Amino acid sequence: MEDVIGRVAGSLLTSLLREEFQLPNYPSMVKDCRKDIEKAGNDIPDKIKNENMLRLCWTLVYGPNIQDIKKGLLNLEEALIGEICSRL
């Protein structure tokens, strides 16, 4: 399973590094996503928390900074592993 995730993440990372995938308003998008997560707090349903985190990860993965891309992919992998483990 980890091998498959690694291959998918690697190919995704390679394709995302192309310029046509760069988001034009990247800094403000990341700021808005983080503000939404912070503003929502812990008293909201898990579905909304997950949607907010997914939007942040998506924004990070499609950003121009390699560190942000790696962070977004790591967060997505952790969420996927957590989801799989919760179903076992």
PDB file of N, CA and C in Angstrom:
ATOM      1  N   MET A   1       0.832  -1.200   0.000  1.00  0.00           N
ATOM      2  CA  MET A   1       0.000   0.000   0.000  1.00  0.00           C
ATOM      3  C   MET A   1       0.873   1.259   0.000  1.00  0.00           C
ATOM      4  N   GLU A   2       1.910   1.279   0.851  1.00  0.00           N
ATOM      5  CA  GLU A   2       2.781   2.453   0.917  1.00  0.00           C
ATOM      6  C   GLU A   2       3.491   2.678  -0.415  1.00  0.00           C
ATOM      7  N   ASP A   3       3.845   1.574  -1.079  1.00  0.00           N
ATOM      8  CA  ASP A   3       4.505   1.683  -2.379  1.00  0.00           C
ATOM      9  C   ASP A   3       3.594   2.354  -3.395  1.00  0.00           C
ATOM     10  N   VAL A   4       2.328   1.986  -3.388  1.00  0.00           N
ATOM     11  CA  VAL A   4       1.359   2.581  -4.320  1.00  0.00           C
ATOM     12  C   VAL A   4       1.186   4.062  -4.013  1.00  0.00           C
ATOM     13  N   ILE A   5       1.023   4.396  -2.733  1.00  0.00           N
ATOM     14  CA  ILE A   5       0.873   5.807  -2.342  1.00  0.00           C
ATOM     15  C   ILE A   5       2.112   6.601  -2.740  1.00  0.00           C
ATOM     16  N   GLY A   6       3.292   6.012  -2.533  1.00  0.00           N
ATOM     17  CA  GLY A   6       4.533   6.685  -2.909  1.00  0.00           C
ATOM     18  C   GLY A   6       4.624   6.963  -4.398  1.00  0.00           C
ATOM     19  N   ARG A   7       4.237   5.975  -5.204  1.00  0.00           N
ATOM     20  CA  ARG A   7       4.276   6.171  -6.664  1.00  0.00           C
ATOM     21  C   ARG A   7       3.279   7.232  -7.107  1.00  0.00           C
ATOM     22  N   VAL A   8       2.074   7.179  -6.537  1.00  0.00           N
ATOM     23  CA  VAL A   8       1.053   8.171  -6.898  1.00  0.00           C
ATOM     24  C   VAL A   8       1.513   9.562  -6.474  1.00  0.00           C
ATOM     25  N   ALA A   9       2.027   9.675  -5.245  1.00  0.00           N
ATOM     26  CA  ALA A   9       2.487  10.978  -4.761  1.00  0.00           C
ATOM     27  C   ALA A   9       3.636  11.490  -5.620  1.00  0.00           C
ATOM     28  N   GLY A  10       4.554  10.608  -6.014  1.00  0.00           N
ATOM     29  CA  GLY A  10       5.682  11.013  -6.852  1.00  0.00           C
ATOM     30  C   GLY A  10       5.244  11.511  -8.211  1.00  0.00           C
ATOM     31  N   SER A  11       4.336  10.792  -8.844  1.00  0.00           N
ATOM     32  CA  SER A  11       3.879  11.230 -10.164  1.00  0.00           C
ATOM     33  C   SER A  11       3.046  12.499 -10.059  1.00  0.00           C
ATOM     34  N   LEU A  12       2.262  12.622  -8.980  1.00  0.00           N
ATOM     35  CA  LEU A  12       1.488  13.839  -8.765  1.00  0.00           C
ATOM     36  C   LEU A  12       2.416  15.019  -8.560  1.00  0.00           C
ATOM     37  N   LEU A  13       3.447  14.829  -7.755  1.00  0.00           N
ATOM     38  CA  LEU A  13       4.407  15.898  -7.488  1.00  0.00           C
ATOM     39  C   LEU A  13       5.098  16.339  -8.774  1.00  0.00           C
ATOM     40  N   THR A  14       5.487  15.386  -9.595  1.00  0.00           N
ATOM     41  CA  THR A  14       6.143  15.710 -10.863  1.00  0.00           C
ATOM     42  C   THR A  14       5.225  16.524 -11.770  1.00  0.00           C
ATOM     43  N   SER A  15       3.977  16.107 -11.888  1.00  0.00           N
ATOM     44  CA  SER A  15       3.064  16.823 -12.777  1.00  0.00           C
ATOM     45  C   SER A  15       2.694  18.193 -12.227  1.00  0.00           C
ATOM     46  N   LEU A  16       2.678  18.324 -10.906  1.00  0.00           N
ATOM     47  CA  LEU A  16       2.288  19.603 -10.312  1.00  0.00           C
ATOM     48  C   LEU A  16       3.373  20.668 -10.422  1.00  0.00           C
ATOM     49  N   LEU A  17       4.596  20.246 -10.640  1.00  0.00           N
ATOM     50  CA  LEU A  17       5.687  21.208 -10.728  1.00  0.00           C
ATOM     51  C   LEU A  17       5.696  21.973 -12.047  1.00  0.00           C
ATOM     52  N   ARG A  18       4.865  21.548 -12.975  1.00  0.00           N
ATOM     53  CA  ARG A  18       4.752  22.282 -14.235  1.00  0.00           C
ATOM     54  C   ARG A  18       4.069  23.624 -13.989  1.00  0.00           C
ATOM     55  N   GLU A  19       4.478  24.628 -14.723  1.00  0.00           N
ATOM     56  CA  GLU A  19       3.978  25.990 -14.500  1.00  0.00           C
ATOM     57  C   GLU A  19       2.476  26.138 -14.712  1.00  0.00           C
ATOM     58  N   GLU A  20       1.880  25.359 -15.593  1.00  0.00           N
ATOM     59  CA  GLU A  20       0.465  25.568 -15.882  1.00  0.00           C
ATOM     60  C   GLU A  20      -0.435  25.211 -14.700  1.00  0.00           C
ATOM     61  N   PHE A  21       0.111  24.560 -13.699  1.00  0.00           N
ATOM     62  CA  PHE A  21      -0.683  24.194 -12.534  1.00  0.00           C
ATOM     63  C   PHE A  21      -0.550  25.197 -11.387  1.00  0.00           C
ATOM     64  N   GLN A  22       0.214  26.246 -11.568  1.00  0.00           N
ATOM     65  CA  GLN A  22       0.430  27.218 -10.494  1.00  0.00           C
ATOM     66  C   GLN A  22      -0.821  28.074 -10.284  1.00  0.00           C
ATOM     67  N   LEU A  23      -1.169  28.263  -9.037  1.00  0.00           N
ATOM     68  CA  LEU A  23      -2.331  29.086  -8.697  1.00  0.00           C
ATOM     69  C   LEU A  23      -1.942  30.562  -8.697  1.00  0.00           C
ATOM     70  N   PRO A  24      -2.731  31.421  -9.320  1.00  0.00           N
ATOM     71  CA  PRO A  24      -2.358  32.832  -9.443  1.00  0.00           C
ATOM     72  C   PRO A  24      -2.378  33.598  -8.120  1.00  0.00           C
ATOM     73  N   ASN A  25      -3.295  33.320  -7.242  1.00  0.00           N
ATOM     74  CA  ASN A  25      -3.415  34.047  -5.973  1.00  0.00           C
ATOM     75  C   ASN A  25      -3.021  33.159  -4.806  1.00  0.00           C
ATOM     76  N   TYR A  26      -1.960  32.391  -4.969  1.00  0.00           N
ATOM     77  CA  TYR A  26      -1.575  31.374  -4.010  1.00  0.00           C
ATOM     78  C   TYR A  26      -1.463  31.880  -2.564  1.00  0.00           C
ATOM     79  N   PRO A  27      -0.692  32.926  -2.286  1.00  0.00           N
ATOM     80  CA  PRO A  27      -0.550  33.358  -0.881  1.00  0.00           C
ATOM     81  C   PRO A  27      -1.875  33.698  -0.207  1.00  0.00           C
ATOM     82  N   SER A  28      -2.750  34.389  -0.921  1.00  0.00           N
ATOM     83  CA  SER A  28      -4.032  34.746  -0.313  1.00  0.00           C
ATOM     84  C   SER A  28      -4.937  33.524  -0.147  1.00  0.00           C
ATOM     85  N   MET A  29      -4.822  32.559  -1.054  1.00  0.00           N
ATOM     86  CA  MET A  29      -5.625  31.340  -0.933  1.00  0.00           C
ATOM     87  C   MET A  29      -5.220  30.537   0.298  1.00  0.00           C
ATOM     88  N   VAL A  30      -3.910  30.407   0.530  1.00  0.00           N
ATOM     89  CA  VAL A  30      -3.423  29.680   1.708  1.00  0.00           C
ATOM     90  C   VAL A  30      -3.868  30.404   2.972  1.00  0.00           C
ATOM     91  N   LYS A  31      -3.728  31.711   2.959  1.00  0.00           N
ATOM     92  CA  LYS A  31      -4.137  32.512   4.118  1.00  0.00           C
ATOM     93  C   LYS A  31      -5.627  32.335   4.403  1.00  0.00           C
ATOM     94  N   ASP A  32      -6.451  32.378   3.374  1.00  0.00           N
ATOM     95  CA  ASP A  32      -7.898  32.215   3.541  1.00  0.00           C
ATOM     96  C   ASP A  32      -8.252  30.827   4.073  1.00  0.00           C
ATOM     97  N   CYS A  33      -7.590  29.790   3.556  1.00  0.00           N
ATOM     98  CA  CYS A  33      -7.858  28.421   4.019  1.00  0.00           C
ATOM     99  C   CYS A  33      -7.492  28.271   5.493  1.00  0.00           C
ATOM    100  N   ARG A  34      -6.330  28.789   5.863  1.00  0.00           N
ATOM    101  CA  ARG A  34      -5.899  28.692   7.261  1.00  0.00           C
ATOM    102  C   ARG A  34      -6.823  29.493   8.175  1.00  0.00           C
ATOM    103  N   LYS A  35      -7.288  30.646   7.696  1.00  0.00           N
ATOM    104  CA  LYS A  35      -8.203  31.469   8.487  1.00  0.00           C
ATOM    105  C   LYS A  35      -9.541  30.740   8.678  1.00  0.00           C
ATOM    106  N   ASP A  36     -10.034  30.067   7.634  1.00  0.00           N
ATOM    107  CA  ASP A  36     -11.286  29.301   7.743  1.00  0.00           C
ATOM    108  C   ASP A  36     -11.162  28.192   8.779  1.00  0.00           C
ATOM    109  N   ILE A  37     -10.022  27.499   8.772  1.00  0.00           N
ATOM    110  CA  ILE A  37      -9.805  26.414   9.734  1.00  0.00           C
ATOM    111  C   ILE A  37      -9.738  26.967  11.149  1.00  0.00           C
ATOM    112  N   GLU A  38      -9.001  28.052  11.310  1.00  0.00           N
ATOM    113  CA  GLU A  38      -8.849  28.659  12.630  1.00  0.00           C
ATOM    114  C   GLU A  38     -10.181  29.198  13.147  1.00  0.00           C
ATOM    115  N   LYS A  39     -10.919  29.868  12.280  1.00  0.00           N
ATOM    116  CA  LYS A  39     -12.195  30.473  12.656  1.00  0.00           C
ATOM    117  C   LYS A  39     -13.235  29.412  13.033  1.00  0.00           C
ATOM    118  N   ALA A  40     -13.210  28.287  12.341  1.00  0.00           N
ATOM    119  CA  ALA A  40     -14.187  27.233  12.589  1.00  0.00           C
ATOM    120  C   ALA A  40     -13.986  26.575  13.950  1.00  0.00           C
ATOM    121  N   GLY A  41     -12.750  26.467  14.385  1.00  0.00           N
ATOM    122  CA  GLY A  41     -12.482  25.860  15.687  1.00  0.00           C
ATOM    123  C   GLY A  41     -12.788  24.377  15.704  1.00  0.00           C
ATOM    124  N   ASN A  42     -12.956  23.839  16.902  1.00  0.00           N
ATOM    125  CA  ASN A  42     -13.185  22.405  17.068  1.00  0.00           C
ATOM    126  C   ASN A  42     -14.650  22.043  17.261  1.00  0.00           C
ATOM    127  N   ASP A  43     -15.513  23.033  17.316  1.00  0.00           N
ATOM    128  CA  ASP A  43     -16.931  22.777  17.601  1.00  0.00           C
ATOM    129  C   ASP A  43     -17.781  22.575  16.351  1.00  0.00           C
ATOM    130  N   ILE A  44     -17.149  22.242  15.243  1.00  0.00           N
ATOM    131  CA  ILE A  44     -17.896  22.028  14.006  1.00  0.00           C
ATOM    132  C   ILE A  44     -17.894  20.542  13.659  1.00  0.00           C
ATOM    133  N   PRO A  45     -18.809  20.099  12.828  1.00  0.00           N
ATOM    134  CA  PRO A  45     -18.844  18.681  12.439  1.00  0.00           C
ATOM    135  C   PRO A  45     -17.558  18.259  11.715  1.00  0.00           C
ATOM    136  N   ASP A  46     -17.218  16.980  11.849  1.00  0.00           N
ATOM    137  CA  ASP A  46     -16.013  16.442  11.205  1.00  0.00           C
ATOM    138  C   ASP A  46     -16.028  16.643   9.699  1.00  0.00           C
ATOM    139  N   LYS A  47     -17.198  16.564   9.083  1.00  0.00           N
ATOM    140  CA  LYS A  47     -17.292  16.736   7.629  1.00  0.00           C
ATOM    141  C   LYS A  47     -16.771  18.109   7.208  1.00  0.00           C
ATOM    142  N   ILE A  48     -17.138  19.148   7.936  1.00  0.00           N
ATOM    143  CA  ILE A  48     -16.688  20.505   7.599  1.00  0.00           C
ATOM    144  C   ILE A  48     -15.196  20.660   7.886  1.00  0.00           C
ATOM    145  N   LYS A  49     -14.726  20.081   9.004  1.00  0.00           N
ATOM    146  CA  LYS A  49     -13.288  20.114   9.305  1.00  0.00           C
ATOM    147  C   LYS A  49     -12.501  19.465   8.175  1.00  0.00           C
ATOM    148  N   ASN A  50     -12.972  18.300   7.729  1.00  0.00           N
ATOM    149  CA  ASN A  50     -12.277  17.583   6.656  1.00  0.00           C
ATOM    150  C   ASN A  50     -12.286  18.377   5.353  1.00  0.00           C
ATOM    151  N   GLU A  51     -13.401  19.021   5.052  1.00  0.00           N
ATOM    152  CA  GLU A  51     -13.476  19.830   3.831  1.00  0.00           C
ATOM    153  C   GLU A  51     -12.505  21.008   3.893  1.00  0.00           C
ATOM    154  N   ASN A  52     -12.421  21.657   5.053  1.00  0.00           N
ATOM    155  CA  ASN A  52     -11.492  22.776   5.213  1.00  0.00           C
ATOM    156  C   ASN A  52     -10.041  22.312   5.062  1.00  0.00           C
ATOM    157  N   MET A  53      -9.713  21.171   5.681  1.00  0.00           N
ATOM    158  CA  MET A  53      -8.349  20.652   5.579  1.00  0.00           C
ATOM    159  C   MET A  53      -8.039  20.223   4.148  1.00  0.00           C
ATOM    160  N   LEU A  54      -9.010  19.632   3.480  1.00  0.00           N
ATOM    161  CA  LEU A  54      -8.801  19.213   2.097  1.00  0.00           C
ATOM    162  C   LEU A  54      -8.540  20.424   1.199  1.00  0.00           C
ATOM    163  N   ARG A  55      -9.284  21.506   1.410  1.00  0.00           N
ATOM    164  CA  ARG A  55      -9.054  22.729   0.618  1.00  0.00           C
ATOM    165  C   ARG A  55      -7.652  23.270   0.860  1.00  0.00           C
ATOM    166  N   LEU A  56      -7.204  23.265   2.121  1.00  0.00           N
ATOM    167  CA  LEU A  56      -5.855  23.741   2.423  1.00  0.00           C
ATOM    168  C   LEU A  56      -4.809  22.845   1.765  1.00  0.00           C
ATOM    169  N   CYS A  57      -4.973  21.536   1.880  1.00  0.00           N
ATOM    170  CA  CYS A  57      -4.016  20.611   1.268  1.00  0.00           C
ATOM    171  C   CYS A  57      -3.987  20.776  -0.244  1.00  0.00           C
ATOM    172  N   TRP A  58      -5.156  20.909  -0.856  1.00  0.00           N
ATOM    173  CA  TRP A  58      -5.235  21.099  -2.302  1.00  0.00           C
ATOM    174  C   TRP A  58      -4.480  22.365  -2.703  1.00  0.00           C
ATOM    175  N   THR A  59      -4.695  23.428  -1.946  1.00  0.00           N
ATOM    176  CA  THR A  59      -4.023  24.692  -2.244  1.00  0.00           C
ATOM    177  C   THR A  59      -2.512  24.539  -2.100  1.00  0.00           C
ATOM    178  N   LEU A  60      -2.062  23.872  -1.030  1.00  0.00           N
ATOM    179  CA  LEU A  60      -0.625  23.672  -0.832  1.00  0.00           C
ATOM    180  C   LEU A  60      -0.015  22.833  -1.950  1.00  0.00           C
ATOM    181  N   VAL A  61      -0.694  21.770  -2.340  1.00  0.00           N
ATOM    182  CA  VAL A  61      -0.171  20.869  -3.367  1.00  0.00           C
ATOM    183  C   VAL A  61      -0.041  21.572  -4.717  1.00  0.00           C
ATOM    184  N   TYR A  62      -0.935  22.482  -5.018  1.00  0.00           N
ATOM    185  CA  TYR A  62      -0.884  23.184  -6.297  1.00  0.00           C
ATOM    186  C   TYR A  62      -0.096  24.486  -6.238  1.00  0.00           C
ATOM    187  N   GLY A  63       0.604  24.720  -5.151  1.00  0.00           N
ATOM    188  CA  GLY A  63       1.378  25.943  -4.993  1.00  0.00           C
ATOM    189  C   GLY A  63       2.753  25.872  -5.626  1.00  0.00           C
ATOM    190  N   PRO A  64       3.457  26.991  -5.666  1.00  0.00           N
ATOM    191  CA  PRO A  64       4.764  27.056  -6.306  1.00  0.00           C
ATOM    192  C   PRO A  64       5.920  26.614  -5.413  1.00  0.00           C
ATOM    193  N   ASN A  65       5.709  26.548  -4.118  1.00  0.00           N
ATOM    194  CA  ASN A  65       6.778  26.247  -3.170  1.00  0.00           C
ATOM    195  C   ASN A  65       6.858  24.742  -2.935  1.00  0.00           C
ATOM    196  N   ILE A  66       8.037  24.158  -3.170  1.00  0.00           N
ATOM    197  CA  ILE A  66       8.207  22.713  -3.037  1.00  0.00           C
ATOM    198  C   ILE A  66       7.937  22.250  -1.610  1.00  0.00           C
ATOM    199  N   GLN A  67       8.272  23.050  -0.615  1.00  0.00           N
ATOM    200  CA  GLN A  67       8.020  22.672   0.783  1.00  0.00           C
ATOM    201  C   GLN A  67       6.512  22.607   1.053  1.00  0.00           C
ATOM    202  N   ASP A  68       5.768  23.544   0.513  1.00  0.00           N
ATOM    203  CA  ASP A  68       4.312  23.531   0.674  1.00  0.00           C
ATOM    204  C   ASP A  68       3.696  22.326  -0.032  1.00  0.00           C
ATOM    205  N   ILE A  69       4.219  21.995  -1.198  1.00  0.00           N
ATOM    206  CA  ILE A  69       3.724  20.836  -1.940  1.00  0.00           C
ATOM    207  C   ILE A  69       3.928  19.569  -1.114  1.00  0.00           C
ATOM    208  N   LYS A  70       5.131  19.426  -0.567  1.00  0.00           N
ATOM    209  CA  LYS A  70       5.421  18.251   0.261  1.00  0.00           C
ATOM    210  C   LYS A  70       4.526  18.211   1.494  1.00  0.00           C
ATOM    211  N   LYS A  71       4.316  19.362   2.123  1.00  0.00           N
ATOM    212  CA  LYS A  71       3.466  19.428   3.308  1.00  0.00           C
ATOM    213  C   LYS A  71       2.025  19.039   2.966  1.00  0.00           C
ATOM    214  N   GLY A  72       1.510  19.539   1.846  1.00  0.00           N
ATOM    215  CA  GLY A  72       0.161  19.201   1.419  1.00  0.00           C
ATOM    216  C   GLY A  72       0.018  17.717   1.135  1.00  0.00           C
ATOM    217  N   LEU A  73       1.014  17.127   0.450  1.00  0.00           N
ATOM    218  CA  LEU A  73       0.972  15.697   0.162  1.00  0.00           C
ATOM    219  C   LEU A  73       1.050  14.869   1.439  1.00  0.00           C
ATOM    220  N   LEU A  74       1.907  15.285   2.367  1.00  0.00           N
ATOM    221  CA  LEU A  74       2.032  14.574   3.639  1.00  0.00           C
ATOM    222  C   LEU A  74       0.708  14.597   4.401  1.00  0.00           C
ATOM    223  N   ASN A  75       0.069  15.750   4.442  1.00  0.00           N
ATOM    224  CA  ASN A  75      -1.222  15.859   5.124  1.00  0.00           C
ATOM    225  C   ASN A  75      -2.279  14.974   4.458  1.00  0.00           C
ATOM    226  N   LEU A  76      -2.283  14.939   3.135  1.00  0.00           N
ATOM    227  CA  LEU A  76      -3.242  14.092   2.425  1.00  0.00           C
ATOM    228  C   LEU A  76      -2.971  12.610   2.685  1.00  0.00           C
ATOM    229  N   GLU A  77      -1.687  12.224   2.698  1.00  0.00           N
ATOM    230  CA  GLU A  77      -1.339  10.835   2.988  1.00  0.00           C
ATOM    231  C   GLU A  77      -1.767  10.454   4.404  1.00  0.00           C
ATOM    232  N   GLU A  78      -1.509  11.330   5.359  1.00  0.00           N
ATOM    233  CA  GLU A  78      -1.903  11.056   6.741  1.00  0.00           C
ATOM    234  C   GLU A  78      -3.416  10.916   6.866  1.00  0.00           C
ATOM    235  N   ALA A  79      -4.142  11.750   6.170  1.00  0.00           N
ATOM    236  CA  ALA A  79      -5.607  11.667   6.204  1.00  0.00           C
ATOM    237  C   ALA A  79      -6.084  10.365   5.579  1.00  0.00           C
ATOM    238  N   LEU A  80      -5.465   9.966   4.478  1.00  0.00           N
ATOM    239  CA  LEU A  80      -5.839   8.730   3.811  1.00  0.00           C
ATOM    240  C   LEU A  80      -5.539   7.532   4.703  1.00  0.00           C
ATOM    241  N   ILE A  81      -4.375   7.504   5.306  1.00  0.00           N
ATOM    242  CA  ILE A  81      -4.007   6.406   6.193  1.00  0.00           C
ATOM    243  C   ILE A  81      -4.941   6.364   7.398  1.00  0.00           C
ATOM    244  N   GLY A  82      -5.275   7.532   7.942  1.00  0.00           N
ATOM    245  CA  GLY A  82      -6.206   7.591   9.064  1.00  0.00           C
ATOM    246  C   GLY A  82      -7.580   7.081   8.686  1.00  0.00           C
ATOM    247  N   GLU A  83      -8.034   7.403   7.491  1.00  0.00           N
ATOM    248  CA  GLU A  83      -9.329   6.943   7.008  1.00  0.00           C
ATOM    249  C   GLU A  83      -9.331   5.428   6.822  1.00  0.00           C
ATOM    250  N   ILE A  84      -8.261   4.906   6.256  1.00  0.00           N
ATOM    251  CA  ILE A  84      -8.167   3.455   6.044  1.00  0.00           C
ATOM    252  C   ILE A  84      -8.126   2.739   7.394  1.00  0.00           C
ATOM    253  N   CYS A  85      -7.343   3.248   8.323  1.00  0.00           N
ATOM    254  CA  CYS A  85      -7.213   2.604   9.641  1.00  0.00           C
ATOM    255  C   CYS A  85      -8.531   2.657  10.410  1.00  0.00           C
ATOM    256  N   SER A  86      -9.289   3.723  10.246  1.00  0.00           N
ATOM    257  CA  SER A  86     -10.564   3.838  10.977  1.00  0.00           C
ATOM    258  C   SER A  86     -11.599   2.841  10.459  1.00  0.00           C
ATOM    259  N   ARG A  87     -11.422   2.360   9.251  1.00  0.00           N
ATOM    260  CA  ARG A  87     -12.374   1.396   8.675  1.00  0.00           C
ATOM    261  C   ARG A  87     -12.009  -0.045   8.997  1.00  0.00           C
ATOM    262  N   LEU A  88     -10.815  -0.257   9.550  1.00  0.00           N
ATOM    263  CA  LEU A  88     -10.386  -1.638   9.869  1.00  0.00           C
ATOM    264  C   LEU A  88     -11.028  -2.140  11.132  1.00  0.00           C
TER     265      LEU A  88
END
